[in-house]
Amino acid sequence: AGTLLAGMLVILSLPDKYISGAKILIERQDTFGQTELPAGGGEIVDRRLQLIISTVQSTDSIKAMLVENGLATQDISGEVLEEAAEDFRRQTELTVDNVPVINQYTGKSGMYAQGIDIAFEDEDPQVAFDVAQSLTKRVLDANRGKGESAVEFQREFLAKQHEAARARLAAVREEIGQLKNENALYLAGLQTLAIRR
């Protein structure tokens, strides 16, 4: 009984915490411009979701949310901003998760699709709600490619994909060239040239 009483006293002495959250389904066609995922598409979806989270949790984005919700002034900078951003990230949950999809005919959730879980915890319920709304808006904007940081991340993502494709193409061309050199007498199109040489 003493332990129970001590536990209740500790719980009552703790400040109230309010959590406000949302679950956002990231539709494939909005993300990739197509309904069918290409081969390896699951990895692309995961990377896209991580990209969205990185965009929303960037220091510039957090600074804008702090100012927007009256948690900091516009002139916040340097170490104070970094410390405030770390506190904000601790209070925030942005995770990739399976989001239940409601069947439009039965009204029950059955299927699951990939999405992002958003939650923000604060001692003030209005602040928790307002910040969760800001986070939700920024996740949706980042998914639609709005905002400077989202566009920058998209450019970076596409540039990396382009470089990977160019490197793969160069490797395949080299393999084909090597195959032609080693098997010139056996390849119909190269036999005449090889015999002349």
N, C-alpha and C. Protein backbone atom coordinates (compact mmCIF):
# COMPACT_ATOMS: atom_id res chain seq x y z
N ALA A 1 0.82 -1.19 0.00
CA ALA A 1 0.00 0.00 0.00
C ALA A 1 0.87 1.26 0.00
N GLY A 2 2.01 1.18 0.72
CA GLY A 2 2.92 2.32 0.79
C GLY A 2 3.50 2.64 -0.58
N THR A 3 3.86 1.59 -1.33
CA THR A 3 4.42 1.78 -2.67
C THR A 3 3.39 2.40 -3.59
N LEU A 4 2.15 1.93 -3.51
CA LEU A 4 1.07 2.46 -4.33
C LEU A 4 0.83 3.94 -4.01
N LEU A 5 0.83 4.28 -2.75
CA LEU A 5 0.63 5.67 -2.32
C LEU A 5 1.77 6.56 -2.81
N ALA A 6 3.01 6.06 -2.68
CA ALA A 6 4.18 6.82 -3.16
C ALA A 6 4.09 7.03 -4.66
N GLY A 7 3.68 5.99 -5.39
CA GLY A 7 3.53 6.09 -6.85
C GLY A 7 2.49 7.12 -7.23
N MET A 8 1.36 7.13 -6.51
CA MET A 8 0.30 8.10 -6.80
C MET A 8 0.76 9.52 -6.52
N LEU A 9 1.54 9.71 -5.45
CA LEU A 9 2.06 11.05 -5.13
C LEU A 9 3.01 11.55 -6.21
N VAL A 10 3.87 10.64 -6.72
CA VAL A 10 4.80 11.01 -7.80
C VAL A 10 4.02 11.42 -9.04
N ILE A 11 3.00 10.61 -9.41
CA ILE A 11 2.20 10.89 -10.59
C ILE A 11 1.48 12.23 -10.45
N LEU A 12 0.92 12.50 -9.28
CA LEU A 12 0.20 13.75 -9.07
C LEU A 12 1.12 14.96 -9.08
N SER A 13 2.38 14.76 -8.69
CA SER A 13 3.32 15.89 -8.64
C SER A 13 3.89 16.22 -10.03
N LEU A 14 3.79 15.28 -10.99
CA LEU A 14 4.30 15.53 -12.34
C LEU A 14 3.38 16.50 -13.07
N PRO A 15 3.96 17.37 -13.93
CA PRO A 15 3.10 18.27 -14.70
C PRO A 15 2.29 17.49 -15.73
N ASP A 16 1.11 18.01 -16.08
CA ASP A 16 0.28 17.35 -17.09
C ASP A 16 0.95 17.48 -18.45
N LYS A 17 0.85 16.42 -19.23
CA LYS A 17 1.38 16.43 -20.59
C LYS A 17 0.23 16.15 -21.54
N TYR A 18 0.13 16.95 -22.56
CA TYR A 18 -0.92 16.77 -23.57
C TYR A 18 -0.25 16.41 -24.88
N ILE A 19 -0.81 15.42 -25.55
CA ILE A 19 -0.26 14.98 -26.83
C ILE A 19 -1.32 15.18 -27.90
N SER A 20 -0.93 15.86 -28.97
CA SER A 20 -1.81 16.04 -30.12
C SER A 20 -1.11 15.41 -31.31
N GLY A 21 -1.88 14.68 -32.13
CA GLY A 21 -1.23 13.98 -33.23
C GLY A 21 -2.11 13.78 -34.44
N ALA A 22 -1.52 13.19 -35.47
CA ALA A 22 -2.22 12.89 -36.71
C ALA A 22 -1.52 11.72 -37.39
N LYS A 23 -2.25 11.04 -38.24
CA LYS A 23 -1.67 9.99 -39.09
C LYS A 23 -1.92 10.42 -40.53
N ILE A 24 -0.87 10.48 -41.32
CA ILE A 24 -0.98 10.95 -42.70
C ILE A 24 -0.61 9.82 -43.65
N LEU A 25 -1.53 9.48 -44.52
CA LEU A 25 -1.29 8.49 -45.55
C LEU A 25 -0.60 9.19 -46.71
N ILE A 26 0.54 8.68 -47.13
CA ILE A 26 1.25 9.25 -48.27
C ILE A 26 0.86 8.42 -49.48
N GLU A 27 0.01 8.98 -50.33
CA GLU A 27 -0.47 8.23 -51.49
C GLU A 27 0.63 8.10 -52.52
N ARG A 28 0.70 6.93 -53.12
CA ARG A 28 1.77 6.67 -54.07
C ARG A 28 1.68 7.57 -55.30
N GLN A 29 0.47 7.76 -55.83
CA GLN A 29 0.37 8.57 -57.04
C GLN A 29 0.76 10.01 -56.79
N ASP A 30 0.52 10.53 -55.57
CA ASP A 30 0.93 11.90 -55.26
C ASP A 30 2.44 12.01 -55.19
N THR A 31 3.07 10.91 -54.75
CA THR A 31 4.50 10.94 -54.53
C THR A 31 5.29 10.69 -55.81
N PHE A 32 4.78 9.79 -56.65
CA PHE A 32 5.57 9.36 -57.80
C PHE A 32 4.92 9.61 -59.15
N GLY A 33 3.67 10.10 -59.16
CA GLY A 33 3.02 10.37 -60.43
C GLY A 33 2.54 9.11 -61.12
N GLN A 34 2.43 8.01 -60.41
CA GLN A 34 1.95 6.77 -60.99
C GLN A 34 1.34 5.91 -59.90
N THR A 35 0.41 5.03 -60.29
CA THR A 35 -0.26 4.22 -59.29
C THR A 35 0.53 2.95 -58.98
N GLU A 36 1.24 2.43 -59.96
CA GLU A 36 2.03 1.21 -59.75
C GLU A 36 3.44 1.60 -59.33
N LEU A 37 3.96 0.90 -58.33
CA LEU A 37 5.35 1.16 -57.93
C LEU A 37 6.30 0.42 -58.85
N PRO A 38 7.42 1.04 -59.26
CA PRO A 38 8.41 0.32 -60.05
C PRO A 38 9.13 -0.70 -59.19
N ALA A 39 9.95 -1.55 -59.84
CA ALA A 39 10.74 -2.53 -59.09
C ALA A 39 11.59 -1.77 -58.08
N GLY A 40 11.65 -2.28 -56.86
CA GLY A 40 12.38 -1.60 -55.79
C GLY A 40 11.65 -0.39 -55.28
N GLY A 41 10.36 -0.27 -55.62
CA GLY A 41 9.57 0.90 -55.25
C GLY A 41 9.39 1.06 -53.76
N GLY A 42 9.36 -0.06 -53.03
CA GLY A 42 9.20 0.02 -51.58
C GLY A 42 10.32 0.82 -50.94
N GLU A 43 11.55 0.59 -51.42
CA GLU A 43 12.68 1.36 -50.90
C GLU A 43 12.54 2.83 -51.23
N ILE A 44 12.02 3.12 -52.44
CA ILE A 44 11.85 4.50 -52.86
C ILE A 44 10.82 5.19 -51.97
N VAL A 45 9.72 4.46 -51.65
CA VAL A 45 8.70 5.03 -50.76
C VAL A 45 9.31 5.34 -49.40
N ASP A 46 10.08 4.38 -48.85
CA ASP A 46 10.73 4.60 -47.54
C ASP A 46 11.64 5.81 -47.59
N ARG A 47 12.44 5.91 -48.67
CA ARG A 47 13.35 7.05 -48.79
C ARG A 47 12.57 8.35 -48.89
N ARG A 48 11.46 8.32 -49.63
CA ARG A 48 10.64 9.52 -49.79
C ARG A 48 10.06 9.96 -48.44
N LEU A 49 9.58 9.00 -47.66
CA LEU A 49 9.02 9.32 -46.35
C LEU A 49 10.10 9.89 -45.43
N GLN A 50 11.29 9.28 -45.45
CA GLN A 50 12.40 9.79 -44.64
C GLN A 50 12.80 11.20 -45.08
N LEU A 51 12.73 11.42 -46.39
CA LEU A 51 13.04 12.73 -46.96
C LEU A 51 12.07 13.78 -46.44
N ILE A 52 10.78 13.43 -46.40
CA ILE A 52 9.75 14.34 -45.90
C ILE A 52 10.02 14.67 -44.43
N ILE A 53 10.33 13.64 -43.64
CA ILE A 53 10.60 13.84 -42.21
C ILE A 53 11.83 14.73 -42.03
N SER A 54 12.87 14.48 -42.81
CA SER A 54 14.09 15.31 -42.72
C SER A 54 13.79 16.76 -43.06
N THR A 55 12.94 16.97 -44.06
CA THR A 55 12.57 18.34 -44.46
C THR A 55 11.86 19.05 -43.32
N VAL A 56 10.89 18.35 -42.71
CA VAL A 56 10.09 18.96 -41.64
C VAL A 56 10.92 19.18 -40.38
N GLN A 57 11.91 18.31 -40.12
CA GLN A 57 12.72 18.43 -38.91
C GLN A 57 14.00 19.24 -39.10
N SER A 58 14.14 19.86 -40.27
CA SER A 58 15.32 20.70 -40.48
C SER A 58 15.26 21.90 -39.53
N THR A 59 16.40 22.44 -39.18
CA THR A 59 16.46 23.55 -38.22
C THR A 59 15.67 24.75 -38.72
N ASP A 60 15.75 25.05 -40.04
CA ASP A 60 15.01 26.19 -40.59
C ASP A 60 13.50 26.00 -40.44
N SER A 61 13.03 24.77 -40.71
CA SER A 61 11.60 24.48 -40.60
C SER A 61 11.15 24.59 -39.14
N ILE A 62 11.97 24.06 -38.22
CA ILE A 62 11.63 24.13 -36.80
C ILE A 62 11.60 25.58 -36.33
N LYS A 63 12.57 26.39 -36.78
CA LYS A 63 12.59 27.81 -36.40
C LYS A 63 11.29 28.48 -36.85
N ALA A 64 10.87 28.20 -38.09
CA ALA A 64 9.63 28.80 -38.61
C ALA A 64 8.43 28.38 -37.76
N MET A 65 8.38 27.11 -37.35
CA MET A 65 7.26 26.64 -36.52
C MET A 65 7.29 27.26 -35.13
N LEU A 66 8.49 27.42 -34.56
CA LEU A 66 8.60 28.05 -33.24
C LEU A 66 8.08 29.48 -33.28
N VAL A 67 8.48 30.22 -34.31
CA VAL A 67 8.05 31.61 -34.46
C VAL A 67 6.54 31.66 -34.73
N GLU A 68 6.09 30.80 -35.63
CA GLU A 68 4.67 30.75 -36.03
C GLU A 68 3.75 30.48 -34.84
N ASN A 69 4.20 29.65 -33.90
CA ASN A 69 3.38 29.28 -32.75
C ASN A 69 3.71 30.06 -31.49
N GLY A 70 4.49 31.13 -31.63
CA GLY A 70 4.78 32.01 -30.51
C GLY A 70 5.71 31.40 -29.47
N LEU A 71 6.48 30.39 -29.85
CA LEU A 71 7.40 29.75 -28.91
C LEU A 71 8.80 30.36 -28.97
N ALA A 72 9.04 31.20 -29.96
CA ALA A 72 10.33 31.89 -30.10
C ALA A 72 10.11 33.15 -30.91
N THR A 73 11.07 34.06 -30.83
CA THR A 73 10.99 35.29 -31.63
C THR A 73 11.79 35.11 -32.92
N GLN A 74 11.51 35.98 -33.88
CA GLN A 74 12.15 35.88 -35.20
C GLN A 74 13.67 36.01 -35.11
N ASP A 75 14.18 36.77 -34.12
CA ASP A 75 15.63 37.00 -34.02
C ASP A 75 16.38 35.90 -33.28
N ILE A 76 15.73 34.77 -32.99
CA ILE A 76 16.43 33.65 -32.33
C ILE A 76 17.53 33.13 -33.27
N SER A 77 18.70 32.88 -32.71
CA SER A 77 19.79 32.42 -33.58
C SER A 77 20.84 31.67 -32.77
N GLY A 78 21.79 31.11 -33.49
CA GLY A 78 22.95 30.46 -32.89
C GLY A 78 22.64 29.31 -31.96
N GLU A 79 23.31 29.31 -30.81
CA GLU A 79 23.19 28.22 -29.84
C GLU A 79 21.77 28.10 -29.28
N VAL A 80 21.12 29.24 -29.08
CA VAL A 80 19.76 29.23 -28.54
C VAL A 80 18.82 28.50 -29.50
N LEU A 81 18.98 28.76 -30.80
CA LEU A 81 18.16 28.10 -31.82
C LEU A 81 18.43 26.60 -31.83
N GLU A 82 19.71 26.23 -31.77
CA GLU A 82 20.05 24.80 -31.77
C GLU A 82 19.45 24.09 -30.56
N GLU A 83 19.54 24.73 -29.41
CA GLU A 83 18.98 24.15 -28.19
C GLU A 83 17.46 24.04 -28.28
N ALA A 84 16.82 25.09 -28.79
CA ALA A 84 15.35 25.09 -28.95
C ALA A 84 14.93 24.02 -29.96
N ALA A 85 15.71 23.87 -31.03
CA ALA A 85 15.40 22.86 -32.05
C ALA A 85 15.51 21.45 -31.47
N GLU A 86 16.54 21.21 -30.63
CA GLU A 86 16.69 19.90 -30.00
C GLU A 86 15.52 19.61 -29.06
N ASP A 87 15.12 20.61 -28.25
CA ASP A 87 13.95 20.45 -27.36
C ASP A 87 12.70 20.13 -28.18
N PHE A 88 12.54 20.84 -29.29
CA PHE A 88 11.38 20.63 -30.17
C PHE A 88 11.36 19.21 -30.71
N ARG A 89 12.54 18.74 -31.16
CA ARG A 89 12.62 17.37 -31.70
C ARG A 89 12.30 16.33 -30.63
N ARG A 90 12.69 16.61 -29.37
CA ARG A 90 12.39 15.67 -28.28
C ARG A 90 10.88 15.59 -28.02
N GLN A 91 10.20 16.70 -28.19
CA GLN A 91 8.76 16.75 -27.96
C GLN A 91 7.96 16.22 -29.15
N THR A 92 8.64 16.03 -30.26
CA THR A 92 7.97 15.67 -31.51
C THR A 92 8.18 14.21 -31.86
N GLU A 93 7.14 13.59 -32.38
CA GLU A 93 7.27 12.24 -32.93
C GLU A 93 6.87 12.31 -34.40
N LEU A 94 7.82 12.02 -35.27
CA LEU A 94 7.56 11.92 -36.70
C LEU A 94 8.15 10.59 -37.14
N THR A 95 7.30 9.60 -37.34
CA THR A 95 7.80 8.27 -37.68
C THR A 95 7.04 7.69 -38.87
N VAL A 96 7.76 6.89 -39.65
CA VAL A 96 7.14 6.16 -40.76
C VAL A 96 6.40 4.99 -40.15
N ASP A 97 5.14 4.83 -40.53
CA ASP A 97 4.33 3.77 -39.93
C ASP A 97 3.28 3.31 -40.94
N ASN A 98 2.68 2.16 -40.67
CA ASN A 98 1.55 1.71 -41.47
C ASN A 98 0.30 2.39 -40.94
N VAL A 99 -0.38 3.08 -41.81
CA VAL A 99 -1.57 3.84 -41.44
C VAL A 99 -2.80 3.06 -41.89
N PRO A 100 -3.77 2.85 -40.99
CA PRO A 100 -4.97 2.12 -41.41
C PRO A 100 -5.79 2.93 -42.41
N VAL A 101 -6.26 2.24 -43.43
CA VAL A 101 -7.08 2.89 -44.46
C VAL A 101 -8.53 2.46 -44.26
N ILE A 102 -9.43 3.43 -44.22
CA ILE A 102 -10.85 3.14 -44.03
C ILE A 102 -11.46 2.70 -45.36
N ASN A 103 -12.12 1.55 -45.35
CA ASN A 103 -12.81 1.06 -46.54
C ASN A 103 -14.02 1.95 -46.78
N GLN A 104 -14.11 2.54 -47.98
CA GLN A 104 -15.18 3.49 -48.26
C GLN A 104 -16.56 2.85 -48.30
N TYR A 105 -16.62 1.52 -48.49
CA TYR A 105 -17.92 0.84 -48.57
C TYR A 105 -18.41 0.35 -47.20
N THR A 106 -17.48 -0.17 -46.40
CA THR A 106 -17.89 -0.72 -45.10
C THR A 106 -17.69 0.26 -43.95
N GLY A 107 -16.80 1.23 -44.13
CA GLY A 107 -16.52 2.19 -43.07
C GLY A 107 -15.57 1.66 -42.01
N LYS A 108 -15.03 0.46 -42.24
CA LYS A 108 -14.10 -0.14 -41.27
C LYS A 108 -12.68 -0.06 -41.82
N SER A 109 -11.71 0.00 -40.87
CA SER A 109 -10.32 0.01 -41.33
C SER A 109 -9.88 -1.44 -41.49
N GLY A 110 -9.23 -1.70 -42.58
CA GLY A 110 -8.76 -3.07 -42.83
C GLY A 110 -7.37 -3.07 -43.40
N MET A 111 -7.22 -2.41 -44.55
CA MET A 111 -5.92 -2.39 -45.22
C MET A 111 -5.02 -1.37 -44.52
N TYR A 112 -3.73 -1.52 -44.79
CA TYR A 112 -2.77 -0.56 -44.25
C TYR A 112 -1.92 -0.03 -45.39
N ALA A 113 -1.55 1.22 -45.32
CA ALA A 113 -0.67 1.81 -46.31
C ALA A 113 0.39 2.61 -45.56
N GLN A 114 1.50 2.87 -46.25
CA GLN A 114 2.57 3.59 -45.57
C GLN A 114 2.21 5.05 -45.38
N GLY A 115 2.60 5.57 -44.25
CA GLY A 115 2.33 6.96 -43.95
C GLY A 115 3.23 7.46 -42.84
N ILE A 116 2.88 8.59 -42.30
CA ILE A 116 3.69 9.21 -41.26
C ILE A 116 2.82 9.49 -40.04
N ASP A 117 3.31 9.06 -38.88
CA ASP A 117 2.66 9.34 -37.60
C ASP A 117 3.24 10.65 -37.08
N ILE A 118 2.37 11.57 -36.69
CA ILE A 118 2.81 12.86 -36.15
C ILE A 118 2.26 13.00 -34.74
N ALA A 119 3.09 13.43 -33.82
CA ALA A 119 2.60 13.72 -32.46
C ALA A 119 3.49 14.80 -31.85
N PHE A 120 2.87 15.68 -31.07
CA PHE A 120 3.63 16.70 -30.36
C PHE A 120 3.11 16.76 -28.93
N GLU A 121 4.05 16.82 -27.97
CA GLU A 121 3.71 16.78 -26.55
C GLU A 121 4.09 18.10 -25.90
N ASP A 122 3.15 18.66 -25.11
CA ASP A 122 3.44 19.90 -24.40
C ASP A 122 2.55 19.98 -23.16
N GLU A 123 2.94 20.84 -22.23
CA GLU A 123 2.14 21.02 -21.02
C GLU A 123 0.89 21.86 -21.28
N ASP A 124 0.90 22.64 -22.35
CA ASP A 124 -0.24 23.45 -22.74
C ASP A 124 -0.99 22.74 -23.88
N PRO A 125 -2.26 22.37 -23.68
CA PRO A 125 -2.98 21.62 -24.72
C PRO A 125 -3.14 22.40 -26.02
N GLN A 126 -3.28 23.73 -25.93
CA GLN A 126 -3.45 24.53 -27.15
C GLN A 126 -2.15 24.55 -27.96
N VAL A 127 -1.00 24.64 -27.27
CA VAL A 127 0.30 24.62 -27.96
C VAL A 127 0.49 23.26 -28.63
N ALA A 128 0.15 22.18 -27.91
CA ALA A 128 0.28 20.83 -28.48
C ALA A 128 -0.55 20.71 -29.75
N PHE A 129 -1.77 21.23 -29.71
CA PHE A 129 -2.67 21.16 -30.87
C PHE A 129 -2.14 22.00 -32.03
N ASP A 130 -1.75 23.25 -31.74
CA ASP A 130 -1.28 24.17 -32.79
C ASP A 130 -0.02 23.65 -33.47
N VAL A 131 0.92 23.14 -32.68
CA VAL A 131 2.17 22.65 -33.26
C VAL A 131 1.91 21.38 -34.08
N ALA A 132 1.04 20.50 -33.59
CA ALA A 132 0.69 19.30 -34.37
C ALA A 132 0.07 19.70 -35.70
N GLN A 133 -0.74 20.75 -35.70
CA GLN A 133 -1.32 21.25 -36.96
C GLN A 133 -0.23 21.77 -37.89
N SER A 134 0.72 22.52 -37.34
CA SER A 134 1.84 23.05 -38.14
C SER A 134 2.65 21.91 -38.74
N LEU A 135 2.93 20.90 -37.92
CA LEU A 135 3.69 19.73 -38.40
C LEU A 135 2.94 19.04 -39.54
N THR A 136 1.63 18.86 -39.35
CA THR A 136 0.82 18.19 -40.37
C THR A 136 0.85 18.96 -41.68
N LYS A 137 0.69 20.28 -41.59
CA LYS A 137 0.72 21.12 -42.80
C LYS A 137 2.07 21.01 -43.50
N ARG A 138 3.14 21.02 -42.72
CA ARG A 138 4.47 20.95 -43.33
C ARG A 138 4.74 19.58 -43.97
N VAL A 139 4.25 18.52 -43.35
CA VAL A 139 4.41 17.18 -43.94
C VAL A 139 3.66 17.13 -45.27
N LEU A 140 2.44 17.65 -45.29
CA LEU A 140 1.65 17.65 -46.53
C LEU A 140 2.31 18.51 -47.60
N ASP A 141 2.83 19.67 -47.21
CA ASP A 141 3.52 20.54 -48.17
C ASP A 141 4.78 19.87 -48.72
N ALA A 142 5.53 19.22 -47.83
CA ALA A 142 6.76 18.54 -48.27
C ALA A 142 6.42 17.40 -49.22
N ASN A 143 5.32 16.70 -48.97
CA ASN A 143 4.91 15.60 -49.86
C ASN A 143 4.50 16.13 -51.23
N ARG A 144 3.87 17.31 -51.24
CA ARG A 144 3.45 17.89 -52.53
C ARG A 144 4.59 18.63 -53.21
N GLY A 145 5.74 18.73 -52.52
CA GLY A 145 6.89 19.38 -53.12
C GLY A 145 6.87 20.88 -52.98
N LYS A 146 6.03 21.41 -52.05
CA LYS A 146 6.01 22.86 -51.84
C LYS A 146 7.10 23.24 -50.85
N GLY A 147 7.47 24.47 -50.88
CA GLY A 147 8.47 24.97 -49.93
C GLY A 147 9.87 24.79 -50.48
N GLU A 148 10.72 25.72 -50.15
CA GLU A 148 12.08 25.75 -50.68
C GLU A 148 12.87 24.51 -50.28
N SER A 149 12.78 24.10 -49.01
CA SER A 149 13.56 22.96 -48.55
C SER A 149 13.10 21.68 -49.22
N ALA A 150 11.79 21.54 -49.45
CA ALA A 150 11.27 20.33 -50.09
C ALA A 150 11.78 20.25 -51.52
N VAL A 151 11.77 21.38 -52.24
CA VAL A 151 12.26 21.41 -53.62
C VAL A 151 13.74 21.09 -53.65
N GLU A 152 14.48 21.63 -52.69
CA GLU A 152 15.92 21.37 -52.60
C GLU A 152 16.18 19.87 -52.38
N PHE A 153 15.41 19.27 -51.44
CA PHE A 153 15.56 17.85 -51.19
C PHE A 153 15.20 17.03 -52.43
N GLN A 154 14.17 17.44 -53.17
CA GLN A 154 13.78 16.72 -54.38
C GLN A 154 14.89 16.79 -55.42
N ARG A 155 15.47 17.99 -55.58
CA ARG A 155 16.57 18.14 -56.54
C ARG A 155 17.73 17.24 -56.17
N GLU A 156 18.06 17.24 -54.87
CA GLU A 156 19.17 16.41 -54.40
C GLU A 156 18.88 14.93 -54.64
N PHE A 157 17.65 14.50 -54.35
CA PHE A 157 17.25 13.11 -54.54
C PHE A 157 17.36 12.72 -56.01
N LEU A 158 16.82 13.58 -56.91
CA LEU A 158 16.86 13.28 -58.34
C LEU A 158 18.30 13.30 -58.87
N ALA A 159 19.12 14.20 -58.35
CA ALA A 159 20.52 14.26 -58.79
C ALA A 159 21.25 12.98 -58.41
N LYS A 160 21.00 12.47 -57.19
CA LYS A 160 21.63 11.22 -56.77
C LYS A 160 21.18 10.05 -57.64
N GLN A 161 19.87 10.01 -57.95
CA GLN A 161 19.34 8.95 -58.80
C GLN A 161 19.95 9.03 -60.20
N HIS A 162 20.10 10.26 -60.71
CA HIS A 162 20.67 10.47 -62.04
C HIS A 162 22.13 10.00 -62.07
N GLU A 163 22.89 10.36 -61.05
CA GLU A 163 24.30 9.93 -60.98
C GLU A 163 24.42 8.41 -60.91
N ALA A 164 23.55 7.78 -60.10
CA ALA A 164 23.57 6.32 -59.98
C ALA A 164 23.26 5.67 -61.33
N ALA A 165 22.28 6.23 -62.05
CA ALA A 165 21.91 5.68 -63.37
C ALA A 165 23.05 5.87 -64.37
N ARG A 166 23.72 7.03 -64.33
CA ARG A 166 24.85 7.27 -65.24
C ARG A 166 26.01 6.31 -64.96
N ALA A 167 26.29 6.09 -63.67
CA ALA A 167 27.37 5.18 -63.31
C ALA A 167 27.05 3.76 -63.77
N ARG A 168 25.80 3.34 -63.60
CA ARG A 168 25.38 2.00 -64.03
C ARG A 168 25.47 1.86 -65.54
N LEU A 169 25.05 2.90 -66.29
CA LEU A 169 25.12 2.90 -67.75
C LEU A 169 26.56 2.80 -68.22
N ALA A 170 27.46 3.55 -67.59
CA ALA A 170 28.88 3.49 -67.95
C ALA A 170 29.44 2.10 -67.70
N ALA A 171 29.06 1.47 -66.57
CA ALA A 171 29.54 0.12 -66.25
C ALA A 171 29.03 -0.89 -67.27
N VAL A 172 27.76 -0.76 -67.67
CA VAL A 172 27.18 -1.68 -68.67
C VAL A 172 27.88 -1.49 -70.02
N ARG A 173 28.12 -0.24 -70.41
CA ARG A 173 28.83 0.01 -71.69
C ARG A 173 30.22 -0.61 -71.67
N GLU A 174 30.89 -0.48 -70.54
CA GLU A 174 32.23 -1.07 -70.42
C GLU A 174 32.17 -2.59 -70.54
N GLU A 175 31.17 -3.21 -69.90
CA GLU A 175 31.01 -4.67 -69.99
C GLU A 175 30.74 -5.10 -71.42
N ILE A 176 29.89 -4.34 -72.12
CA ILE A 176 29.57 -4.67 -73.52
C ILE A 176 30.82 -4.55 -74.39
N GLY A 177 31.59 -3.47 -74.19
CA GLY A 177 32.83 -3.28 -74.95
C GLY A 177 33.81 -4.42 -74.71
N GLN A 178 33.95 -4.83 -73.47
CA GLN A 178 34.85 -5.92 -73.12
C GLN A 178 34.37 -7.24 -73.76
N LEU A 179 33.05 -7.47 -73.71
CA LEU A 179 32.47 -8.68 -74.32
C LEU A 179 32.74 -8.70 -75.82
N LYS A 180 32.56 -7.55 -76.49
CA LYS A 180 32.80 -7.47 -77.93
C LYS A 180 34.26 -7.75 -78.25
N ASN A 181 35.19 -7.18 -77.48
CA ASN A 181 36.62 -7.39 -77.72
C ASN A 181 37.02 -8.86 -77.55
N GLU A 182 36.48 -9.49 -76.50
CA GLU A 182 36.86 -10.87 -76.21
C GLU A 182 36.20 -11.89 -77.15
N ASN A 183 35.05 -11.55 -77.71
CA ASN A 183 34.30 -12.51 -78.52
C ASN A 183 34.02 -12.01 -79.94
N ALA A 184 34.91 -11.20 -80.48
CA ALA A 184 34.68 -10.61 -81.80
C ALA A 184 34.47 -11.65 -82.88
N LEU A 185 35.21 -12.79 -82.84
CA LEU A 185 35.09 -13.83 -83.87
C LEU A 185 33.75 -14.57 -83.78
N TYR A 186 33.12 -14.52 -82.66
CA TYR A 186 31.87 -15.27 -82.47
C TYR A 186 30.62 -14.42 -82.63
N LEU A 187 30.79 -13.11 -82.64
CA LEU A 187 29.63 -12.22 -82.79
C LEU A 187 29.44 -11.89 -84.26
N ALA A 188 28.24 -12.19 -84.79
CA ALA A 188 27.96 -12.06 -86.23
C ALA A 188 28.31 -10.68 -86.77
N GLY A 189 27.95 -9.65 -86.09
CA GLY A 189 28.19 -8.30 -86.57
C GLY A 189 29.65 -7.90 -86.59
N LEU A 190 30.50 -8.62 -85.84
CA LEU A 190 31.92 -8.25 -85.73
C LEU A 190 32.86 -9.23 -86.43
N GLN A 191 32.34 -10.34 -86.97
CA GLN A 191 33.21 -11.37 -87.56
C GLN A 191 34.03 -10.79 -88.73
N THR A 192 33.38 -10.10 -89.65
CA THR A 192 34.06 -9.55 -90.84
C THR A 192 35.15 -8.60 -90.41
N LEU A 193 34.85 -7.71 -89.48
CA LEU A 193 35.83 -6.74 -89.01
C LEU A 193 37.02 -7.44 -88.35
N ALA A 194 36.74 -8.46 -87.54
CA ALA A 194 37.80 -9.19 -86.85
C ALA A 194 38.69 -9.93 -87.85
N ILE A 195 38.08 -10.52 -88.89
CA ILE A 195 38.87 -11.26 -89.89
C ILE A 195 39.76 -10.30 -90.67
N ARG A 196 39.23 -9.12 -91.03
CA ARG A 196 40.04 -8.12 -91.75
C ARG A 196 41.24 -7.72 -90.94
N ARG A 197 41.02 -7.53 -89.62
CA ARG A 197 42.13 -7.14 -88.74
C ARG A 197 43.18 -8.23 -88.71
